[in-house]
PDB file of N, CA and C in Angstrom:
ATOM      1  N   MET A   1      -3.347  -1.887 -74.611  1.00  0.00           N
ATOM      2  CA  MET A   1      -2.604  -1.092 -73.112  1.00  0.00           C
ATOM      3  C   MET A   1      -3.160  -1.365 -72.011  1.00  0.00           C
ATOM      4  N   SER A   2      -4.802  -1.850 -72.142  1.00  0.00           N
ATOM      5  CA  SER A   2      -5.486  -2.388 -70.831  1.00  0.00           C
ATOM      6  C   SER A   2      -4.834  -3.366 -70.050  1.00  0.00           C
ATOM      7  N   SER A   3      -3.909  -4.088 -71.056  1.00  0.00           N
ATOM      8  CA  SER A   3      -3.245  -5.208 -70.596  1.00  0.00           C
ATOM      9  C   SER A   3      -1.843  -4.781 -69.596  1.00  0.00           C
ATOM     10  N   THR A   4      -1.434  -4.154 -69.811  1.00  0.00           N
ATOM     11  CA  THR A   4      -0.418  -3.242 -69.013  1.00  0.00           C
ATOM     12  C   THR A   4      -0.518  -3.016 -67.998  1.00  0.00           C
ATOM     13  N   LEU A   5      -1.873  -2.220 -67.687  1.00  0.00           N
ATOM     14  CA  LEU A   5      -2.457  -1.245 -66.945  1.00  0.00           C
ATOM     15  C   LEU A   5      -2.748  -2.462 -65.777  1.00  0.00           C
ATOM     16  N   ASN A   6      -3.984  -3.937 -66.266  1.00  0.00           N
ATOM     17  CA  ASN A   6      -4.288  -4.325 -65.630  1.00  0.00           C
ATOM     18  C   ASN A   6      -3.068  -5.177 -64.692  1.00  0.00           C
ATOM     19  N   ALA A   7      -2.049  -5.323 -65.134  1.00  0.00           N
ATOM     20  CA  ALA A   7      -1.181  -6.241 -64.642  1.00  0.00           C
ATOM     21  C   ALA A   7      -0.162  -5.421 -63.602  1.00  0.00           C
ATOM     22  N   GLN A   8       0.141  -4.128 -63.549  1.00  0.00           N
ATOM     23  CA  GLN A   8       0.096  -3.197 -62.606  1.00  0.00           C
ATOM     24  C   GLN A   8      -0.684  -3.085 -61.549  1.00  0.00           C
ATOM     25  N   VAL A   9      -1.921  -3.401 -61.970  1.00  0.00           N
ATOM     26  CA  VAL A   9      -2.890  -3.277 -60.914  1.00  0.00           C
ATOM     27  C   VAL A   9      -2.842  -4.502 -60.141  1.00  0.00           C
ATOM     28  N   VAL A  10      -2.645  -5.471 -60.669  1.00  0.00           N
ATOM     29  CA  VAL A  10      -2.587  -7.053 -59.963  1.00  0.00           C
ATOM     30  C   VAL A  10      -1.643  -7.158 -59.034  1.00  0.00           C
ATOM     31  N   ASP A  11      -0.055  -6.809 -59.806  1.00  0.00           N
ATOM     32  CA  ASP A  11       0.773  -6.570 -59.079  1.00  0.00           C
ATOM     33  C   ASP A  11       0.631  -5.531 -57.960  1.00  0.00           C
ATOM     34  N   SER A  12       0.617  -4.556 -57.949  1.00  0.00           N
ATOM     35  CA  SER A  12       0.163  -3.427 -56.619  1.00  0.00           C
ATOM     36  C   SER A  12      -0.755  -4.041 -55.708  1.00  0.00           C
ATOM     37  N   ILE A  13      -1.768  -4.727 -56.273  1.00  0.00           N
ATOM     38  CA  ILE A  13      -2.352  -5.607 -55.095  1.00  0.00           C
ATOM     39  C   ILE A  13      -2.087  -6.521 -54.685  1.00  0.00           C
ATOM     40  N   ALA A  14      -1.503  -7.361 -55.293  1.00  0.00           N
ATOM     41  CA  ALA A  14      -0.637  -8.485 -54.181  1.00  0.00           C
ATOM     42  C   ALA A  14       0.895  -8.013 -53.520  1.00  0.00           C
ATOM     43  N   SER A  15       1.251  -6.358 -54.258  1.00  0.00           N
ATOM     44  CA  SER A  15       2.583  -6.539 -53.516  1.00  0.00           C
ATOM     45  C   SER A  15       1.834  -5.648 -51.649  1.00  0.00           C
ATOM     46  N   THR A  16       0.848  -5.359 -51.897  1.00  0.00           N
ATOM     47  CA  THR A  16       0.019  -4.886 -50.542  1.00  0.00           C
ATOM     48  C   THR A  16      -0.774  -5.911 -49.867  1.00  0.00           C
ATOM     49  N   SER A  17      -1.167  -6.649 -50.605  1.00  0.00           N
ATOM     50  CA  SER A  17      -1.655  -8.191 -49.502  1.00  0.00           C
ATOM     51  C   SER A  17      -0.375  -8.534 -48.747  1.00  0.00           C
ATOM     52  N   THR A  18       0.748  -8.984 -49.607  1.00  0.00           N
ATOM     53  CA  THR A  18       1.870  -9.309 -49.119  1.00  0.00           C
ATOM     54  C   THR A  18       2.327  -8.925 -47.852  1.00  0.00           C
ATOM     55  N   LEU A  19       2.611  -7.162 -47.905  1.00  0.00           N
ATOM     56  CA  LEU A  19       2.792  -6.022 -46.930  1.00  0.00           C
ATOM     57  C   LEU A  19       1.700  -6.531 -45.428  1.00  0.00           C
ATOM     58  N   VAL A  20       0.705  -6.278 -45.730  1.00  0.00           N
ATOM     59  CA  VAL A  20      -0.028  -6.727 -44.683  1.00  0.00           C
ATOM     60  C   VAL A  20      -0.096  -8.059 -43.931  1.00  0.00           C
ATOM     61  N   VAL A  21      -0.267  -9.280 -44.552  1.00  0.00           N
ATOM     62  CA  VAL A  21       0.197 -10.670 -44.165  1.00  0.00           C
ATOM     63  C   VAL A  21       1.317 -10.543 -43.670  1.00  0.00           C
ATOM     64  N   GLY A  22       2.436  -9.690 -43.914  1.00  0.00           N
ATOM     65  CA  GLY A  22       3.615  -9.715 -43.375  1.00  0.00           C
ATOM     66  C   GLY A  22       3.975  -9.337 -42.391  1.00  0.00           C
ATOM     67  N   GLN A  23       3.236  -7.926 -42.454  1.00  0.00           N
ATOM     68  CA  GLN A  23       2.850  -6.947 -40.847  1.00  0.00           C
ATOM     69  C   GLN A  23       1.869  -7.751 -39.901  1.00  0.00           C
ATOM     70  N   ALA A  24       1.145  -8.458 -40.255  1.00  0.00           N
ATOM     71  CA  ALA A  24      -0.090  -8.483 -39.303  1.00  0.00           C
ATOM     72  C   ALA A  24       0.542  -9.567 -38.176  1.00  0.00           C
ATOM     73  N   PRO A  25       1.644 -10.125 -38.125  1.00  0.00           N
ATOM     74  CA  PRO A  25       1.971 -10.528 -36.881  1.00  0.00           C
ATOM     75  C   PRO A  25       3.008  -9.939 -35.884  1.00  0.00           C
ATOM     76  N   ALA A  26       3.396  -8.632 -36.345  1.00  0.00           N
ATOM     77  CA  ALA A  26       4.306  -7.392 -35.725  1.00  0.00           C
ATOM     78  C   ALA A  26       3.234  -6.878 -34.802  1.00  0.00           C
ATOM     79  N   GLY A  27       1.467  -6.317 -35.665  1.00  0.00           N
ATOM     80  CA  GLY A  27       1.190  -5.791 -35.285  1.00  0.00           C
ATOM     81  C   GLY A  27       0.164  -6.489 -34.301  1.00  0.00           C
ATOM     82  N   ALA A  28      -0.005  -7.683 -34.367  1.00  0.00           N
ATOM     83  CA  ALA A  28      -0.607  -8.310 -33.339  1.00  0.00           C
ATOM     84  C   ALA A  28       0.042  -8.329 -32.016  1.00  0.00           C
ATOM     85  N   GLN A  29       1.406  -8.825 -32.086  1.00  0.00           N
ATOM     86  CA  GLN A  29       2.338  -8.670 -31.094  1.00  0.00           C
ATOM     87  C   GLN A  29       2.808  -7.340 -30.435  1.00  0.00           C
ATOM     88  N   ALA A  30       2.434  -6.142 -31.662  1.00  0.00           N
ATOM     89  CA  ALA A  30       2.687  -4.975 -30.112  1.00  0.00           C
ATOM     90  C   ALA A  30       1.257  -5.155 -29.656  1.00  0.00           C
ATOM     91  N   MET A  31      -0.412  -5.098 -30.216  1.00  0.00           N
ATOM     92  CA  MET A  31      -0.827  -4.885 -29.348  1.00  0.00           C
ATOM     93  C   MET A  31      -1.218  -5.963 -27.996  1.00  0.00           C
ATOM     94  N   VAL A  32      -0.558  -7.230 -28.116  1.00  0.00           N
ATOM     95  CA  VAL A  32      -0.349  -7.919 -27.123  1.00  0.00           C
ATOM     96  C   VAL A  32       0.104  -7.033 -25.628  1.00  0.00           C
ATOM     97  N   ASP A  33       1.392  -6.586 -26.288  1.00  0.00           N
ATOM     98  CA  ASP A  33       2.543  -5.981 -25.624  1.00  0.00           C
ATOM     99  C   ASP A  33       1.996  -4.736 -25.398  1.00  0.00           C
ATOM    100  N   LEU A  34       1.059  -4.248 -25.720  1.00  0.00           N
ATOM    101  CA  LEU A  34       0.672  -3.341 -24.944  1.00  0.00           C
ATOM    102  C   LEU A  34      -0.326  -3.036 -24.322  1.00  0.00           C
ATOM    103  N   ALA A  35      -1.443  -4.284 -24.540  1.00  0.00           N
ATOM    104  CA  ALA A  35      -2.436  -4.921 -23.465  1.00  0.00           C
ATOM    105  C   ALA A  35      -1.779  -4.966 -21.975  1.00  0.00           C
ATOM    106  N   ALA A  36      -0.684  -5.619 -22.352  1.00  0.00           N
ATOM    107  CA  ALA A  36       0.343  -6.340 -20.896  1.00  0.00           C
ATOM    108  C   ALA A  36       0.761  -5.210 -20.536  1.00  0.00           C
ATOM    109  N   ALA A  37       1.719  -4.191 -21.177  1.00  0.00           N
ATOM    110  CA  ALA A  37       1.856  -2.833 -20.171  1.00  0.00           C
ATOM    111  C   ALA A  37       0.895  -1.929 -19.482  1.00  0.00           C
ATOM    112  N   HIS A  38      -0.561  -2.280 -20.413  1.00  0.00           N
ATOM    113  CA  HIS A  38      -1.589  -1.286 -19.907  1.00  0.00           C
ATOM    114  C   HIS A  38      -1.685  -2.312 -18.226  1.00  0.00           C
ATOM    115  N   ALA A  39      -1.767  -3.264 -18.686  1.00  0.00           N
ATOM    116  CA  ALA A  39      -2.433  -4.104 -17.196  1.00  0.00           C
ATOM    117  C   ALA A  39      -1.394  -4.010 -16.358  1.00  0.00           C
ATOM    118  N   LEU A  40       0.228  -4.608 -16.460  1.00  0.00           N
ATOM    119  CA  LEU A  40       1.083  -3.846 -15.342  1.00  0.00           C
ATOM    120  C   LEU A  40       1.226  -2.726 -14.980  1.00  0.00           C
ATOM    121  N   GLY A  41       0.607  -1.724 -15.488  1.00  0.00           N
ATOM    122  CA  GLY A  41       0.925  -0.666 -15.434  1.00  0.00           C
ATOM    123  C   GLY A  41      -0.604  -0.035 -14.334  1.00  0.00           C
ATOM    124  N   THR A  42      -1.816  -0.622 -14.555  1.00  0.00           N
ATOM    125  CA  THR A  42      -2.427  -0.391 -14.090  1.00  0.00           C
ATOM    126  C   THR A  42      -2.313  -1.486 -12.425  1.00  0.00           C
ATOM    127  N   LEU A  43      -1.738  -2.359 -12.787  1.00  0.00           N
ATOM    128  CA  LEU A  43      -1.606  -3.287 -11.449  1.00  0.00           C
ATOM    129  C   LEU A  43      -0.606  -2.038  -9.984  1.00  0.00           C
ATOM    130  N   LEU A  44       0.402  -1.831 -10.713  1.00  0.00           N
ATOM    131  CA  LEU A  44       1.637  -1.257 -10.179  1.00  0.00           C
ATOM    132  C   LEU A  44       0.937   0.259  -9.481  1.00  0.00           C
ATOM    133  N   HIS A  45      -0.066   0.981 -10.265  1.00  0.00           N
ATOM    134  CA  HIS A  45      -1.089   2.218 -10.083  1.00  0.00           C
ATOM    135  C   HIS A  45      -1.562   1.779  -8.406  1.00  0.00           C
ATOM    136  N   GLY A  46      -2.277   0.588  -8.599  1.00  0.00           N
ATOM    137  CA  GLY A  46      -3.084   0.582  -7.469  1.00  0.00           C
ATOM    138  C   GLY A  46      -2.273  -0.427  -6.590  1.00  0.00           C
ATOM    139  N   ALA A  47      -1.343  -1.034  -6.464  1.00  0.00           N
ATOM    140  CA  ALA A  47       0.041  -1.027  -5.412  1.00  0.00           C
ATOM    141  C   ALA A  47       0.300  -0.021  -5.159  1.00  0.00           C
ATOM    142  N   VAL A  48       0.589   0.894  -5.805  1.00  0.00           N
ATOM    143  CA  VAL A  48       1.424   2.379  -5.246  1.00  0.00           C
ATOM    144  C   VAL A  48       0.423   3.541  -4.441  1.00  0.00           C
ATOM    145  N   HIS A  49      -0.963   3.183  -5.034  1.00  0.00           N
ATOM    146  CA  HIS A  49      -1.964   3.779  -4.198  1.00  0.00           C
ATOM    147  C   HIS A  49      -2.460   3.108  -2.908  1.00  0.00           C
ATOM    148  N   ARG A  50      -1.993   1.826  -2.571  1.00  0.00           N
ATOM    149  CA  ARG A  50      -2.510   1.382  -1.430  1.00  0.00           C
ATOM    150  C   ARG A  50      -1.323   1.405  -0.634  1.00  0.00           C
ATOM    151  N   HIS A  51      -0.156   1.018  -0.986  1.00  0.00           N
ATOM    152  CA  HIS A  51       0.730   1.993  -0.034  1.00  0.00           C
ATOM    153  C   HIS A  51       0.624   3.012   0.645  1.00  0.00           C
ATOM    154  N   GLN A  52      -0.054   4.157  -0.383  1.00  0.00           N
ATOM    155  CA  GLN A  52       0.100   5.690   0.132  1.00  0.00           C
ATOM    156  C   GLN A  52      -1.060   5.654   1.143  1.00  0.00           C
ATOM    157  N   GLN A  53      -1.883   4.894   1.016  1.00  0.00           N
ATOM    158  CA  GLN A  53      -3.099   4.861   2.172  1.00  0.00           C
ATOM    159  C   GLN A  53      -3.032   4.522   3.086  1.00  0.00           C
ATOM    160  N   SER A  54      -2.011   2.991   3.320  1.00  0.00           N
ATOM    161  CA  SER A  54      -1.643   2.855   4.120  1.00  0.00           C
ATOM    162  C   SER A  54      -0.549   3.606   5.090  1.00  0.00           C
ATOM    163  N   ALA A  55       0.211   4.194   4.702  1.00  0.00           N
ATOM    164  CA  ALA A  55       0.984   5.160   5.073  1.00  0.00           C
ATOM    165  C   ALA A  55       0.228   6.489   5.515  1.00  0.00           C
ATOM    166  N   ILE A  56      -0.915   6.768   4.727  1.00  0.00           N
ATOM    167  CA  ILE A  56      -1.933   7.959   5.833  1.00  0.00           C
ATOM    168  C   ILE A  56      -1.997   7.527   6.907  1.00  0.00           C
ATOM    169  N   SER A  57      -3.152   6.174   6.727  1.00  0.00           N
ATOM    170  CA  SER A  57      -3.813   5.869   8.255  1.00  0.00           C
ATOM    171  C   SER A  57      -2.327   5.277   8.989  1.00  0.00           C
ATOM    172  N   GLY A  58      -1.166   5.082   8.707  1.00  0.00           N
ATOM    173  CA  GLY A  58      -0.644   4.607   9.570  1.00  0.00           C
ATOM    174  C   GLY A  58      -0.041   5.976  10.373  1.00  0.00           C
ATOM    175  N   ALA A  59       0.445   6.926   9.583  1.00  0.00           N
ATOM    176  CA  ALA A  59       0.610   8.413  10.212  1.00  0.00           C
ATOM    177  C   ALA A  59      -0.446   9.239  11.246  1.00  0.00           C
ATOM    178  N   ALA A  60      -2.217   8.977  10.521  1.00  0.00           N
ATOM    179  CA  ALA A  60      -2.852   9.267  11.152  1.00  0.00           C
ATOM    180  C   ALA A  60      -3.466   8.695  12.817  1.00  0.00           C
ATOM    181  N   ALA A  61      -2.762   7.308  12.379  1.00  0.00           N
ATOM    182  CA  ALA A  61      -2.768   6.545  13.803  1.00  0.00           C
ATOM    183  C   ALA A  61      -1.908   7.027  15.097  1.00  0.00           C
ATOM    184  N   ALA A  62      -0.454   7.249  14.727  1.00  0.00           N
ATOM    185  CA  ALA A  62       0.684   7.369  15.121  1.00  0.00           C
ATOM    186  C   ALA A  62       0.102   9.186  15.786  1.00  0.00           C
ATOM    187  N   THR A  63      -0.288  10.283  14.959  1.00  0.00           N
ATOM    188  CA  THR A  63      -0.962  10.962  15.371  1.00  0.00           C
ATOM    189  C   THR A  63      -2.010  11.521  16.392  1.00  0.00           C
ATOM    190  N   ALA A  64      -3.033  10.622  16.586  1.00  0.00           N
ATOM    191  CA  ALA A  64      -3.840   9.974  17.479  1.00  0.00           C
ATOM    192  C   ALA A  64      -3.533   9.766  18.381  1.00  0.00           C
ATOM    193  N   ALA A  65      -2.370   8.750  18.787  1.00  0.00           N
ATOM    194  CA  ALA A  65      -1.508   8.073  19.973  1.00  0.00           C
ATOM    195  C   ALA A  65      -1.439   9.059  20.772  1.00  0.00           C
ATOM    196  N   CYS A  66      -0.287  10.127  19.832  1.00  0.00           N
ATOM    197  CA  CYS A  66       0.519  11.027  20.508  1.00  0.00           C
ATOM    198  C   CYS A  66      -0.093  12.088  21.503  1.00  0.00           C
ATOM    199  N   THR A  67      -1.934  12.273  20.279  1.00  0.00           N
ATOM    200  CA  THR A  67      -2.341  13.360  20.810  1.00  0.00           C
ATOM    201  C   THR A  67      -2.885  13.219  22.235  1.00  0.00           C
ATOM    202  N   ARG A  68      -3.018  11.740  22.115  1.00  0.00           N
ATOM    203  CA  ARG A  68      -3.803  11.499  23.175  1.00  0.00           C
ATOM    204  C   ARG A  68      -2.747  10.897  25.031  1.00  0.00           C
ATOM    205  N   ILE A  69      -1.584  10.701  24.408  1.00  0.00           N
ATOM    206  CA  ILE A  69      -0.684  10.809  25.202  1.00  0.00           C
ATOM    207  C   ILE A  69      -0.183  11.925  25.844  1.00  0.00           C
ATOM    208  N   LEU A  70      -0.646  13.103  25.037  1.00  0.00           N
ATOM    209  CA  LEU A  70       0.021  14.531  25.762  1.00  0.00           C
ATOM    210  C   LEU A  70      -0.938  15.328  26.308  1.00  0.00           C
ATOM    211  N   ALA A  71      -2.205  14.496  25.632  1.00  0.00           N
ATOM    212  CA  ALA A  71      -3.544  15.311  26.302  1.00  0.00           C
ATOM    213  C   ALA A  71      -3.615  14.694  27.849  1.00  0.00           C
ATOM    214  N   ALA A  72      -3.235  13.633  28.234  1.00  0.00           N
ATOM    215  CA  ALA A  72      -3.019  12.818  29.379  1.00  0.00           C
ATOM    216  C   ALA A  72      -2.360  13.260  30.358  1.00  0.00           C
ATOM    217  N   ARG A  73      -1.220  13.966  29.936  1.00  0.00           N
ATOM    218  CA  ARG A  73      -0.009  14.558  30.900  1.00  0.00           C
ATOM    219  C   ARG A  73      -0.602  16.009  31.191  1.00  0.00           C
ATOM    220  N   ARG A  74      -1.585  16.360  30.467  1.00  0.00           N
ATOM    221  CA  ARG A  74      -1.937  17.705  30.825  1.00  0.00           C
ATOM    222  C   ARG A  74      -3.278  17.627  32.174  1.00  0.00           C
ATOM    223  N   LEU A  75      -3.761  16.496  32.406  1.00  0.00           N
ATOM    224  CA  LEU A  75      -4.931  16.297  33.096  1.00  0.00           C
ATOM    225  C   LEU A  75      -4.094  16.534  34.799  1.00  0.00           C
ATOM    226  N   VAL A  76      -4.379  17.063  35.400  1.00  0.00           N
ATOM    227  CA  VAL A  76      -3.899  16.864  37.062  1.00  0.00           C
ATOM    228  C   VAL A  76      -4.214  15.871  38.194  1.00  0.00           C
ATOM    229  N   ALA A  77      -3.019  15.429  38.446  1.00  0.00           N
ATOM    230  CA  ALA A  77      -2.640  14.210  38.399  1.00  0.00           C
ATOM    231  C   ALA A  77      -3.736  14.180  40.440  1.00  0.00           C
ATOM    232  N   PRO A  78      -3.786  13.165  40.662  1.00  0.00           N
ATOM    233  CA  PRO A  78      -4.659  13.518  42.280  1.00  0.00           C
ATOM    234  C   PRO A  78      -3.531  13.565  42.990  1.00  0.00           C
ATOM    235  N   ALA A  79      -3.934  14.131  44.064  1.00  0.00           N
ATOM    236  CA  ALA A  79      -2.783  14.172  45.619  1.00  0.00           C
ATOM    237  C   ALA A  79      -2.370  12.688  46.049  1.00  0.00           C
ATOM    238  N   PRO A  80      -1.036  12.433  46.337  1.00  0.00           N
ATOM    239  CA  PRO A  80      -0.942  11.442  46.754  1.00  0.00           C
ATOM    240  C   PRO A  80      -1.471  10.704  47.761  1.00  0.00           C
ATOM    241  N   VAL A  81      -1.196   9.804  48.140  1.00  0.00           N
ATOM    242  CA  VAL A  81      -1.722   9.099  49.184  1.00  0.00           C
ATOM    243  C   VAL A  81      -1.057   9.185  50.582  1.00  0.00           C
ATOM    244  N   PRO A  82      -1.250   9.440  51.604  1.00  0.00           N
ATOM    245  CA  PRO A  82      -0.441   9.546  52.845  1.00  0.00           C
ATOM    246  C   PRO A  82      -0.031   8.241  52.943  1.00  0.00           C
ATOM    247  N   PRO A  83       0.738   7.920  53.784  1.00  0.00           N
ATOM    248  CA  PRO A  83       1.702   6.636  53.956  1.00  0.00           C
ATOM    249  C   PRO A  83       0.721   6.389  55.026  1.00  0.00           C
ATOM    250  N   SER A  84       0.518   4.967  55.384  1.00  0.00           N
ATOM    251  CA  SER A  84      -0.317   4.431  56.682  1.00  0.00           C
ATOM    252  C   SER A  84       0.955   4.473  57.880  1.00  0.00           C
ATOM    253  N   PRO A  85       0.193   4.383  58.590  1.00  0.00           N
ATOM    254  CA  PRO A  85       1.114   4.634  60.262  1.00  0.00           C
ATOM    255  C   PRO A  85       1.430   3.530  60.157  1.00  0.00           C
ATOM    256  N   PRO A  86       2.552   3.197  60.886  1.00  0.00           N
ATOM    257  CA  PRO A  86       3.440   1.956  61.506  1.00  0.00           C
ATOM    258  C   PRO A  86       2.549   1.550  62.375  1.00  0.00           C
ATOM    259  N   ALA A  87       2.276   0.126  62.111  1.00  0.00           N
ATOM    260  CA  ALA A  87       1.857  -0.938  63.122  1.00  0.00           C
ATOM    261  C   ALA A  87       2.803  -0.821  64.258  1.00  0.00           C
ATOM    262  N   PRO A  88       1.640  -0.847  65.469  1.00  0.00           N
ATOM    263  CA  PRO A  88       2.510  -1.061  66.961  1.00  0.00           C
ATOM    264  C   PRO A  88       3.040  -1.878  67.054  1.00  0.00           C
ATOM    265  N   ALA A  89       4.435  -1.854  67.756  1.00  0.00           N
ATOM    266  CA  ALA A  89       5.761  -3.099  68.160  1.00  0.00           C
ATOM    267  C   ALA A  89       4.729  -3.920  69.248  1.00  0.00           C
ATOM    268  N   ALA A  90       5.062  -5.333  68.848  1.00  0.00           N
ATOM    269  CA  ALA A  90       4.504  -6.116  69.901  1.00  0.00           C
ATOM    270  C   ALA A  90       5.331  -5.994  71.357  1.00  0.00           C
ATOM    271  N   THR A  91       4.916  -6.212  72.283  1.00  0.00           N
ATOM    272  CA  THR A  91       5.920  -6.133  73.414  1.00  0.00           C
ATOM    273  C   THR A  91       5.430  -7.405  73.799  1.00  0.00           C
ATOM    274  N   PRO A  92       6.882  -7.370  74.816  1.00  0.00           N
ATOM    275  CA  PRO A  92       7.190  -8.917  74.853  1.00  0.00           C
ATOM    276  C   PRO A  92       6.317  -9.422  76.442  1.00  0.00           C
ATOM    277  N   ARG A  93       5.561 -10.234  76.598  1.00  0.00           N
ATOM    278  CA  ARG A  93       4.761 -10.680  77.253  1.00  0.00           C
ATOM    279  C   ARG A  93       5.420 -11.570  78.542  1.00  0.00           C
ATOM    280  N   ALA A  94       5.109 -11.014  80.089  1.00  0.00           N
ATOM    281  CA  ALA A  94       5.889 -11.503  80.994  1.00  0.00           C
ATOM    282  C   ALA A  94       5.270 -13.178  81.126  1.00  0.00           C
ATOM    283  N   SER A  95       6.716 -13.942  81.419  1.00  0.00           N
ATOM    284  CA  SER A  95       6.501 -15.074  81.612  1.00  0.00           C
ATOM    285  C   SER A  95       5.556 -15.281  83.021  1.00  0.00           C
ATOM    286  N   LYS A  96       4.841 -16.365  83.001  1.00  0.00           N
ATOM    287  CA  LYS A  96       4.162 -17.054  83.944  1.00  0.00           C
ATOM    288  C   LYS A  96       4.995 -17.804  84.989  1.00  0.00           C
ATOM    289  N   GLU A  97       6.063 -18.134  84.822  1.00  0.00           N
ATOM    290  CA  GLU A  97       6.654 -18.880  85.195  1.00  0.00           C
ATOM    291  C   GLU A  97       7.661 -18.434  86.899  1.00  0.00           C
ATOM    292  N   GLY A  98       7.357 -19.158  87.760  1.00  0.00           N
ATOM    293  CA  GLY A  98       7.987 -18.309  88.499  1.00  0.00           C
ATOM    294  C   GLY A  98       7.311 -17.578  90.108  1.00  0.00           C
TER     295      GLY A  98
END
């Protein structure tokens, strides 16, 4: 009876070993795919974050420029400079002939 039990144990171990060996490439490929997906996700997260920060910086710069423009309009404009008087007209000279 021990020979039957021993044969069943050997067969069970052999089939488990075959199953593990058969699943190893698929498991390894799944881990490679998981690592690649994680790396791609991290890359895209960084790109989105940089884009958002750039948009925030651009909006802040536009707001600062608009604030300066509006602040400059509130300043009192200097009084206009009066126009200079017209130059005297040239008088014709009398000729010395005659």
